[in-house]
Amino acid sequence: MPNAKHDTLFTTPLDKSARFSFDEEVVACFPDMIRRSVPGYGQMLAMLPILARRHCLFRQTTAQGNKVSRVYDLGTSLGAASFALADKFAADELEIVAIDISQPMIDKAKTVLGEHYPQHNIRFECADVCQVEFAECDLIIINLTLQFLPPNRRLELLTKCYHALASGGILILTEKTHLDDEQYDAWRVERYYDFKRANGYSEMEISGKRNALENVLITDTLQTHYDRLQQAGFQRCLTWFMFLNFASIVAFKP
């Protein structure tokens, strides 16, 4: 996606009660924030259309009667996943539904995708992903989104995803995770902070963002993700990518 403003959100001390939100300030620097804060994010995005090619079998029908693969991009933020797919698929191959609860995110995503892929069938919705009714689809992407939902709503969403997927479709779930073993988890978290330091974040920025995300971003262990996916109906799941405390799982609909 296009370059954005440099992330300087946490270069000054914040009130301890301040909480992270996806507002206009975050929108302005979000691509830079993600690039410097999520190890392997670019590689994960680059793989999305490769994975999609194997499972998007053009089994859904548009209102015009054309055969396409429907894709849901849940928690789309600035539409990076939709952007990656549109870049590798022809305009008439996919129907992409990009959903986010943040209106500033949706507005910016709509502008960016509209400028670069005006012919593609991409629909944007500002909504709570837990309250959306899904049509049949071949692919659902939940990138760094489930972790922002209350834990007691996560299974319900995944179950809805399972039922919406056509046979042979896949769900791609990417999340920040933690380990049950406190010693190993502490080591991995500190290496993650080393990653952020190497990308130019100061100790104040690292601490400020950590405090702002407390009780906003709530992680699970990989095993919790697997257990929840199985409860939702996905009996076959595979961690296809992992970098430090970030992991991406592909879950298969039989």
C-alpha atoms as a PDB file:
ATOM      1  CA  MET A   1       0.000   0.000   0.000  1.00  0.00           C
ATOM      2  CA  PRO A   2       1.098   3.629  -0.406  1.00  0.00           C
ATOM      3  CA  ASN A   3       3.508   5.173   2.054  1.00  0.00           C
ATOM      4  CA  ALA A   4       2.056   6.964   5.069  1.00  0.00           C
ATOM      5  CA  LYS A   5       3.020   9.434   7.727  1.00  0.00           C
ATOM      6  CA  HIS A   6       5.746   8.331  10.146  1.00  0.00           C
ATOM      7  CA  ASP A   7       4.368   6.859  13.376  1.00  0.00           C
ATOM      8  CA  THR A   8       5.075   9.353  16.166  1.00  0.00           C
ATOM      9  CA  LEU A   9       1.970   8.696  18.287  1.00  0.00           C
ATOM     10  CA  PHE A  10       3.833   7.678  21.422  1.00  0.00           C
ATOM     11  CA  THR A  11       6.847  10.003  21.304  1.00  0.00           C
ATOM     12  CA  THR A  12       5.422  12.027  24.199  1.00  0.00           C
ATOM     13  CA  PRO A  13       4.086  10.737  27.531  1.00  0.00           C
ATOM     14  CA  LEU A  14       0.377   9.914  27.642  1.00  0.00           C
ATOM     15  CA  ASP A  15      -2.077   9.903  30.498  1.00  0.00           C
ATOM     16  CA  LYS A  16      -2.003   6.414  32.014  1.00  0.00           C
ATOM     17  CA  SER A  17      -5.732   6.077  31.377  1.00  0.00           C
ATOM     18  CA  ALA A  18      -5.362   6.791  27.642  1.00  0.00           C
ATOM     19  CA  ARG A  19      -6.416   3.887  25.432  1.00  0.00           C
ATOM     20  CA  PHE A  20      -5.514   2.978  21.868  1.00  0.00           C
ATOM     21  CA  SER A  21      -8.237   3.616  19.290  1.00  0.00           C
ATOM     22  CA  PHE A  22      -8.404   3.479  15.508  1.00  0.00           C
ATOM     23  CA  ASP A  23      -9.032   7.193  15.028  1.00  0.00           C
ATOM     24  CA  GLU A  24      -7.813   9.730  12.449  1.00  0.00           C
ATOM     25  CA  GLU A  25      -4.382  10.002  14.085  1.00  0.00           C
ATOM     26  CA  VAL A  26      -3.832   6.251  13.863  1.00  0.00           C
ATOM     27  CA  VAL A  27      -5.171   6.141  10.287  1.00  0.00           C
ATOM     28  CA  ALA A  28      -2.597   8.739   9.215  1.00  0.00           C
ATOM     29  CA  CYS A  29       0.378   6.625  10.322  1.00  0.00           C
ATOM     30  CA  PHE A  30      -1.099   3.106  10.340  1.00  0.00           C
ATOM     31  CA  PRO A  31       0.944   1.560   7.476  1.00  0.00           C
ATOM     32  CA  ASP A  32       4.178   2.772   9.091  1.00  0.00           C
ATOM     33  CA  MET A  33       3.017   1.537  12.509  1.00  0.00           C
ATOM     34  CA  ILE A  34       2.191  -1.930  11.176  1.00  0.00           C
ATOM     35  CA  ARG A  35       5.412  -2.207   9.162  1.00  0.00           C
ATOM     36  CA  ARG A  36       7.538  -1.364  12.217  1.00  0.00           C
ATOM     37  CA  SER A  37       5.429  -3.240  14.788  1.00  0.00           C
ATOM     38  CA  VAL A  38       4.340  -6.531  13.179  1.00  0.00           C
ATOM     39  CA  PRO A  39       7.196  -8.844  12.211  1.00  0.00           C
ATOM     40  CA  GLY A  40       6.651 -10.551   8.884  1.00  0.00           C
ATOM     41  CA  TYR A  41       3.553  -8.526   7.981  1.00  0.00           C
ATOM     42  CA  GLY A  42       4.686  -7.934   4.417  1.00  0.00           C
ATOM     43  CA  GLN A  43       5.381 -11.622   3.856  1.00  0.00           C
ATOM     44  CA  MET A  44       1.963 -12.564   5.241  1.00  0.00           C
ATOM     45  CA  LEU A  45       0.242 -10.142   2.875  1.00  0.00           C
ATOM     46  CA  ALA A  46       2.264 -11.389  -0.080  1.00  0.00           C
ATOM     47  CA  MET A  47       1.111 -14.955   0.584  1.00  0.00           C
ATOM     48  CA  LEU A  48      -2.600 -14.122   0.732  1.00  0.00           C
ATOM     49  CA  PRO A  49      -3.217 -14.148  -3.040  1.00  0.00           C
ATOM     50  CA  ILE A  50      -1.094 -17.300  -3.360  1.00  0.00           C
ATOM     51  CA  LEU A  51      -3.246 -19.074  -0.791  1.00  0.00           C
ATOM     52  CA  ALA A  52      -6.389 -17.623  -2.326  1.00  0.00           C
ATOM     53  CA  ARG A  53      -5.535 -19.050  -5.755  1.00  0.00           C
ATOM     54  CA  ARG A  54      -5.788 -22.559  -4.297  1.00  0.00           C
ATOM     55  CA  HIS A  55      -9.142 -22.078  -2.611  1.00  0.00           C
ATOM     56  CA  CYS A  56     -11.041 -19.385  -4.502  1.00  0.00           C
ATOM     57  CA  LEU A  57     -12.957 -21.546  -6.969  1.00  0.00           C
ATOM     58  CA  PHE A  58     -15.423 -18.939  -8.312  1.00  0.00           C
ATOM     59  CA  ARG A  59     -18.489 -20.607  -6.839  1.00  0.00           C
ATOM     60  CA  GLN A  60     -20.517 -17.570  -5.821  1.00  0.00           C
ATOM     61  CA  THR A  61     -22.774 -15.497  -8.063  1.00  0.00           C
ATOM     62  CA  THR A  62     -22.973 -11.701  -8.163  1.00  0.00           C
ATOM     63  CA  ALA A  63     -26.189  -9.741  -8.518  1.00  0.00           C
ATOM     64  CA  GLN A  64     -25.348  -9.498 -12.230  1.00  0.00           C
ATOM     65  CA  GLY A  65     -25.152 -13.297 -12.520  1.00  0.00           C
ATOM     66  CA  ASN A  66     -21.367 -13.527 -12.836  1.00  0.00           C
ATOM     67  CA  LYS A  67     -19.393 -16.312 -11.151  1.00  0.00           C
ATOM     68  CA  VAL A  68     -16.839 -15.029  -8.653  1.00  0.00           C
ATOM     69  CA  SER A  69     -15.202 -15.962  -5.389  1.00  0.00           C
ATOM     70  CA  ARG A  70     -16.550 -13.930  -2.497  1.00  0.00           C
ATOM     71  CA  VAL A  71     -13.966 -12.849   0.071  1.00  0.00           C
ATOM     72  CA  TYR A  72     -14.527 -11.269   3.467  1.00  0.00           C
ATOM     73  CA  ASP A  73     -11.782  -9.069   4.898  1.00  0.00           C
ATOM     74  CA  LEU A  74     -12.840  -8.677   8.530  1.00  0.00           C
ATOM     75  CA  GLY A  75     -11.232  -5.823  10.437  1.00  0.00           C
ATOM     76  CA  THR A  76      -9.875  -4.554   7.147  1.00  0.00           C
ATOM     77  CA  SER A  77      -8.338  -1.371   8.672  1.00  0.00           C
ATOM     78  CA  LEU A  78      -6.831   0.389   5.634  1.00  0.00           C
ATOM     79  CA  GLY A  79      -7.604  -2.542   3.331  1.00  0.00           C
ATOM     80  CA  ALA A  80      -4.109  -4.031   3.072  1.00  0.00           C
ATOM     81  CA  ALA A  81      -5.389  -7.604   2.626  1.00  0.00           C
ATOM     82  CA  SER A  82      -7.960  -6.495   0.060  1.00  0.00           C
ATOM     83  CA  PHE A  83      -5.230  -4.488  -1.678  1.00  0.00           C
ATOM     84  CA  ALA A  84      -2.969  -7.567  -1.860  1.00  0.00           C
ATOM     85  CA  LEU A  85      -5.760  -9.652  -3.397  1.00  0.00           C
ATOM     86  CA  ALA A  86      -6.881  -6.995  -5.872  1.00  0.00           C
ATOM     87  CA  ASP A  87      -3.289  -6.646  -7.034  1.00  0.00           C
ATOM     88  CA  LYS A  88      -3.104 -10.307  -8.117  1.00  0.00           C
ATOM     89  CA  PHE A  89      -6.679 -11.096  -9.191  1.00  0.00           C
ATOM     90  CA  ALA A  90      -8.533  -9.744 -12.203  1.00  0.00           C
ATOM     91  CA  ALA A  91     -11.343  -7.292 -11.524  1.00  0.00           C
ATOM     92  CA  ASP A  92     -14.034  -9.813 -12.449  1.00  0.00           C
ATOM     93  CA  GLU A  93     -12.677 -12.713 -10.352  1.00  0.00           C
ATOM     94  CA  LEU A  94     -13.426 -11.606  -6.802  1.00  0.00           C
ATOM     95  CA  GLU A  95     -16.168  -9.928  -4.830  1.00  0.00           C
ATOM     96  CA  ILE A  96     -14.429  -8.486  -1.780  1.00  0.00           C
ATOM     97  CA  VAL A  97     -16.381  -7.337   1.269  1.00  0.00           C
ATOM     98  CA  ALA A  98     -14.127  -5.254   3.536  1.00  0.00           C
ATOM     99  CA  ILE A  99     -15.528  -4.567   7.013  1.00  0.00           C
ATOM    100  CA  ASP A 100     -14.229  -2.461   9.874  1.00  0.00           C
ATOM    101  CA  ILE A 101     -15.822  -0.793  12.896  1.00  0.00           C
ATOM    102  CA  SER A 102     -13.711   2.369  12.464  1.00  0.00           C
ATOM    103  CA  GLN A 103     -15.260   4.898  10.086  1.00  0.00           C
ATOM    104  CA  PRO A 104     -11.926   6.733   9.560  1.00  0.00           C
ATOM    105  CA  MET A 105     -10.317   3.423   8.556  1.00  0.00           C
ATOM    106  CA  ILE A 106     -13.130   2.578   6.147  1.00  0.00           C
ATOM    107  CA  ASP A 107     -13.080   6.054   4.595  1.00  0.00           C
ATOM    108  CA  LYS A 108      -9.331   5.884   3.950  1.00  0.00           C
ATOM    109  CA  ALA A 109      -9.458   2.285   2.684  1.00  0.00           C
ATOM    110  CA  LYS A 110     -12.248   3.175   0.265  1.00  0.00           C
ATOM    111  CA  THR A 111     -10.213   6.098  -1.075  1.00  0.00           C
ATOM    112  CA  VAL A 112      -6.987   4.103  -1.485  1.00  0.00           C
ATOM    113  CA  LEU A 113      -8.579   1.029  -3.063  1.00  0.00           C
ATOM    114  CA  GLY A 114     -10.793   3.175  -5.259  1.00  0.00           C
ATOM    115  CA  GLU A 115      -7.760   5.024  -6.621  1.00  0.00           C
ATOM    116  CA  HIS A 116      -5.726   1.892  -7.339  1.00  0.00           C
ATOM    117  CA  TYR A 117      -8.393  -0.654  -8.290  1.00  0.00           C
ATOM    118  CA  PRO A 118     -11.466   1.271  -9.503  1.00  0.00           C
ATOM    119  CA  GLN A 119     -12.696  -1.664 -11.611  1.00  0.00           C
ATOM    120  CA  HIS A 120     -12.598  -4.239  -8.815  1.00  0.00           C
ATOM    121  CA  ASN A 121     -15.739  -5.273  -6.973  1.00  0.00           C
ATOM    122  CA  ILE A 122     -14.864  -4.154  -3.446  1.00  0.00           C
ATOM    123  CA  ARG A 123     -17.617  -3.246  -1.005  1.00  0.00           C
ATOM    124  CA  PHE A 124     -16.801  -1.419   2.229  1.00  0.00           C
ATOM    125  CA  GLU A 125     -18.930  -1.641   5.347  1.00  0.00           C
ATOM    126  CA  CYS A 126     -18.463   0.217   8.619  1.00  0.00           C
ATOM    127  CA  ALA A 127     -19.823  -2.330  11.076  1.00  0.00           C
ATOM    128  CA  ASP A 128     -19.083  -4.569  14.030  1.00  0.00           C
ATOM    129  CA  VAL A 129     -17.887  -7.803  12.413  1.00  0.00           C
ATOM    130  CA  CYS A 130     -19.745  -9.788  15.080  1.00  0.00           C
ATOM    131  CA  GLN A 131     -23.065  -8.355  13.919  1.00  0.00           C
ATOM    132  CA  VAL A 132     -22.654  -8.883  10.187  1.00  0.00           C
ATOM    133  CA  GLU A 133     -24.497 -11.703   8.437  1.00  0.00           C
ATOM    134  CA  PHE A 134     -22.198 -13.382   5.948  1.00  0.00           C
ATOM    135  CA  ALA A 135     -23.184 -14.768   2.562  1.00  0.00           C
ATOM    136  CA  GLU A 136     -21.530 -17.893   1.186  1.00  0.00           C
ATOM    137  CA  CYS A 137     -17.854 -17.279   0.443  1.00  0.00           C
ATOM    138  CA  ASP A 138     -14.591 -19.005  -0.466  1.00  0.00           C
ATOM    139  CA  LEU A 139     -12.197 -17.057   1.763  1.00  0.00           C
ATOM    140  CA  ILE A 140     -12.395 -15.156   5.049  1.00  0.00           C
ATOM    141  CA  ILE A 141      -9.433 -13.136   6.319  1.00  0.00           C
ATOM    142  CA  ILE A 142      -9.209 -12.031   9.956  1.00  0.00           C
ATOM    143  CA  ASN A 143      -5.877 -10.250  10.238  1.00  0.00           C
ATOM    144  CA  LEU A 144      -4.994  -8.886  13.695  1.00  0.00           C
ATOM    145  CA  THR A 145      -8.670  -8.367  14.493  1.00  0.00           C
ATOM    146  CA  LEU A 146      -9.891 -11.141  16.787  1.00  0.00           C
ATOM    147  CA  GLN A 147      -7.490  -9.918  19.483  1.00  0.00           C
ATOM    148  CA  PHE A 148      -9.465  -6.660  19.726  1.00  0.00           C
ATOM    149  CA  LEU A 149     -12.793  -8.413  20.305  1.00  0.00           C
ATOM    150  CA  PRO A 150     -13.999  -9.367  23.792  1.00  0.00           C
ATOM    151  CA  PRO A 151     -12.879 -12.996  24.343  1.00  0.00           C
ATOM    152  CA  ASN A 152     -16.469 -14.124  24.920  1.00  0.00           C
ATOM    153  CA  ARG A 153     -17.438 -12.988  21.389  1.00  0.00           C
ATOM    154  CA  ARG A 154     -14.642 -14.712  19.495  1.00  0.00           C
ATOM    155  CA  LEU A 155     -16.150 -18.197  19.209  1.00  0.00           C
ATOM    156  CA  GLU A 156     -19.445 -16.822  17.937  1.00  0.00           C
ATOM    157  CA  LEU A 157     -17.672 -14.962  15.123  1.00  0.00           C
ATOM    158  CA  LEU A 158     -15.576 -17.969  14.108  1.00  0.00           C
ATOM    159  CA  THR A 159     -18.656 -20.190  14.097  1.00  0.00           C
ATOM    160  CA  LYS A 160     -20.417 -17.767  11.758  1.00  0.00           C
ATOM    161  CA  CYS A 161     -17.341 -17.826   9.530  1.00  0.00           C
ATOM    162  CA  TYR A 162     -17.349 -21.616   9.432  1.00  0.00           C
ATOM    163  CA  HIS A 163     -20.967 -21.774   8.337  1.00  0.00           C
ATOM    164  CA  ALA A 164     -20.464 -19.082   5.683  1.00  0.00           C
ATOM    165  CA  LEU A 165     -17.541 -20.811   3.971  1.00  0.00           C
ATOM    166  CA  ALA A 166     -18.258 -23.059   1.021  1.00  0.00           C
ATOM    167  CA  SER A 167     -16.814 -26.566   1.086  1.00  0.00           C
ATOM    168  CA  GLY A 168     -13.086 -26.302   0.374  1.00  0.00           C
ATOM    169  CA  GLY A 169     -12.948 -22.668   1.504  1.00  0.00           C
ATOM    170  CA  ILE A 170     -10.489 -21.373   4.081  1.00  0.00           C
ATOM    171  CA  LEU A 171     -10.272 -18.963   6.974  1.00  0.00           C
ATOM    172  CA  ILE A 172      -6.964 -17.160   7.513  1.00  0.00           C
ATOM    173  CA  LEU A 173      -6.543 -15.978  11.097  1.00  0.00           C
ATOM    174  CA  THR A 174      -3.530 -13.842  12.009  1.00  0.00           C
ATOM    175  CA  GLU A 175      -2.978 -12.858  15.638  1.00  0.00           C
ATOM    176  CA  LYS A 176      -0.497 -11.707  18.222  1.00  0.00           C
ATOM    177  CA  THR A 177      -0.111 -14.565  20.718  1.00  0.00           C
ATOM    178  CA  HIS A 178       1.394 -15.361  24.101  1.00  0.00           C
ATOM    179  CA  LEU A 179       2.897 -18.475  25.681  1.00  0.00           C
ATOM    180  CA  ASP A 180       1.684 -20.261  28.804  1.00  0.00           C
ATOM    181  CA  ASP A 181       5.262 -20.623  30.010  1.00  0.00           C
ATOM    182  CA  GLU A 182       6.007 -17.256  31.621  1.00  0.00           C
ATOM    183  CA  GLN A 183       9.782 -17.532  31.222  1.00  0.00           C
ATOM    184  CA  TYR A 184       9.644 -18.355  27.527  1.00  0.00           C
ATOM    185  CA  ASP A 185       6.925 -15.759  26.954  1.00  0.00           C
ATOM    186  CA  ALA A 186       9.009 -13.059  28.653  1.00  0.00           C
ATOM    187  CA  TRP A 187      11.999 -13.934  26.476  1.00  0.00           C
ATOM    188  CA  ARG A 188       9.914 -13.809  23.302  1.00  0.00           C
ATOM    189  CA  VAL A 189       8.249 -10.530  24.258  1.00  0.00           C
ATOM    190  CA  GLU A 190      11.618  -8.935  24.952  1.00  0.00           C
ATOM    191  CA  ARG A 191      12.879 -10.068  21.542  1.00  0.00           C
ATOM    192  CA  TYR A 192       9.761  -8.473  20.066  1.00  0.00           C
ATOM    193  CA  TYR A 193      10.681  -5.218  21.781  1.00  0.00           C
ATOM    194  CA  ASP A 194      14.196  -5.623  20.342  1.00  0.00           C
ATOM    195  CA  PHE A 195      12.540  -5.868  16.921  1.00  0.00           C
ATOM    196  CA  LYS A 196      10.723  -2.603  17.579  1.00  0.00           C
ATOM    197  CA  ARG A 197      13.906  -0.946  18.853  1.00  0.00           C
ATOM    198  CA  ALA A 198      15.675  -2.025  15.672  1.00  0.00           C
ATOM    199  CA  ASN A 199      12.880  -0.324  13.716  1.00  0.00           C
ATOM    200  CA  GLY A 200      13.495   2.972  15.472  1.00  0.00           C
ATOM    201  CA  TYR A 201      11.011   2.950  18.343  1.00  0.00           C
ATOM    202  CA  SER A 202      12.218   4.507  21.587  1.00  0.00           C
ATOM    203  CA  GLU A 203      11.672   3.067  25.066  1.00  0.00           C
ATOM    204  CA  MET A 204       8.998   5.715  25.662  1.00  0.00           C
ATOM    205  CA  GLU A 205       7.170   4.741  22.472  1.00  0.00           C
ATOM    206  CA  ILE A 206       7.316   1.034  23.285  1.00  0.00           C
ATOM    207  CA  SER A 207       6.096   1.627  26.834  1.00  0.00           C
ATOM    208  CA  GLY A 208       3.435   4.110  25.761  1.00  0.00           C
ATOM    209  CA  LYS A 209       1.886   1.813  23.197  1.00  0.00           C
ATOM    210  CA  ARG A 210       2.023  -1.165  25.575  1.00  0.00           C
ATOM    211  CA  ASN A 211       0.115   0.821  28.202  1.00  0.00           C
ATOM    212  CA  ALA A 212      -2.410   2.152  25.672  1.00  0.00           C
ATOM    213  CA  LEU A 213      -3.168  -1.371  24.431  1.00  0.00           C
ATOM    214  CA  GLU A 214      -3.647  -2.879  27.888  1.00  0.00           C
ATOM    215  CA  ASN A 215      -7.114  -4.449  28.090  1.00  0.00           C
ATOM    216  CA  VAL A 216      -7.716  -3.319  24.490  1.00  0.00           C
ATOM    217  CA  LEU A 217      -5.638  -5.950  22.716  1.00  0.00           C
ATOM    218  CA  ILE A 218      -6.079  -9.271  24.537  1.00  0.00           C
ATOM    219  CA  THR A 219      -3.994 -12.137  23.181  1.00  0.00           C
ATOM    220  CA  ASP A 220      -4.579 -15.895  23.243  1.00  0.00           C
ATOM    221  CA  THR A 221      -2.179 -18.819  23.096  1.00  0.00           C
ATOM    222  CA  LEU A 222      -1.926 -20.760  19.861  1.00  0.00           C
ATOM    223  CA  GLN A 223      -3.584 -23.715  21.583  1.00  0.00           C
ATOM    224  CA  THR A 224      -6.531 -21.521  22.583  1.00  0.00           C
ATOM    225  CA  HIS A 225      -6.923 -20.499  18.948  1.00  0.00           C
ATOM    226  CA  TYR A 226      -6.849 -24.125  17.835  1.00  0.00           C
ATOM    227  CA  ASP A 227      -9.355 -25.171  20.477  1.00  0.00           C
ATOM    228  CA  ARG A 228     -11.703 -22.342  19.577  1.00  0.00           C
ATOM    229  CA  LEU A 229     -11.459 -23.041  15.846  1.00  0.00           C
ATOM    230  CA  GLN A 230     -12.310 -26.682  16.454  1.00  0.00           C
ATOM    231  CA  GLN A 231     -15.286 -25.655  18.576  1.00  0.00           C
ATOM    232  CA  ALA A 232     -16.410 -23.471  15.672  1.00  0.00           C
ATOM    233  CA  GLY A 233     -16.321 -26.512  13.357  1.00  0.00           C
ATOM    234  CA  PHE A 234     -12.857 -26.341  11.801  1.00  0.00           C
ATOM    235  CA  GLN A 235     -11.340 -29.785  12.310  1.00  0.00           C
ATOM    236  CA  ARG A 236      -8.261 -29.093  10.177  1.00  0.00           C
ATOM    237  CA  CYS A 237      -6.081 -26.116  11.125  1.00  0.00           C
ATOM    238  CA  LEU A 238      -2.447 -25.346  10.392  1.00  0.00           C
ATOM    239  CA  THR A 239      -0.058 -22.623  11.548  1.00  0.00           C
ATOM    240  CA  TRP A 240       1.454 -21.654   8.217  1.00  0.00           C
ATOM    241  CA  PHE A 241       3.432 -18.624   9.430  1.00  0.00           C
ATOM    242  CA  MET A 242       5.052 -17.580  12.700  1.00  0.00           C
ATOM    243  CA  PHE A 243       7.460 -14.791  13.579  1.00  0.00           C
ATOM    244  CA  LEU A 244       8.164 -14.163  17.271  1.00  0.00           C
ATOM    245  CA  ASN A 245       4.763 -13.679  18.959  1.00  0.00           C
ATOM    246  CA  PHE A 246       2.760 -13.315  15.743  1.00  0.00           C
ATOM    247  CA  ALA A 247       1.187 -16.318  14.041  1.00  0.00           C
ATOM    248  CA  SER A 248      -1.103 -16.958  11.107  1.00  0.00           C
ATOM    249  CA  ILE A 249      -3.365 -20.005  10.974  1.00  0.00           C
ATOM    250  CA  VAL A 250      -5.225 -21.437   8.000  1.00  0.00           C
ATOM    251  CA  ALA A 251      -8.439 -23.298   8.889  1.00  0.00           C
ATOM    252  CA  PHE A 252     -10.079 -25.535   6.287  1.00  0.00           C
ATOM    253  CA  LYS A 253     -13.795 -26.056   5.644  1.00  0.00           C
ATOM    254  CA  PRO A 254     -14.300 -29.704   4.569  1.00  0.00           C
END
